[in-house]
Structure formats: C-alpha cells, structure tokens
C-alpha cells in the first residue's frame, strides 16, 4: 500500500470537520442566494472562497477515504 506521510497525521475527526466546513461554505452561499441576499461584499467573498473550498472538499474526501481504508486494513491485521 502506498504511504502518504502528510495524511497519516490527520485522523478521521479532522477529515470530517474539514470536509463539513468546506461543504458548509457552499451551503452558506446557496442559502444567501435562495434568500435573495446579494450584495457586492457577499459576491466578492463567494468568488474568493468557492474554488478553494471545492478543492478542499475533494482533498478532505480523499483523505477521509484513505483514513477509513487504512483503519480497516489495520484492524484486520
């Protein structure tokens, strides 16, 4: 199995919190859109945060899957 040392220090709890915070940014901006609150400041923050939170969500999803697979394989041994 390939080892990723930067993922070994992250446990499942940190991965879940990171994933939910990245997805929470999408939820916040979608809620503001549905409520009709569109100001210039919200638009600026949306443009600055959407792309990094997208990549963060992908990273934390893969890190969570890696941690879960690693935990399952260690418990079998």
Foldseek 3Di string as FASTA:
>chain_A
DDDDVVLVVDALVNLVVQLVVLVVLVVVLVVCVVVVNDDPVSVVVCVVRNVVSVVSNVVSVVSNVVNVVVVVVVVVD
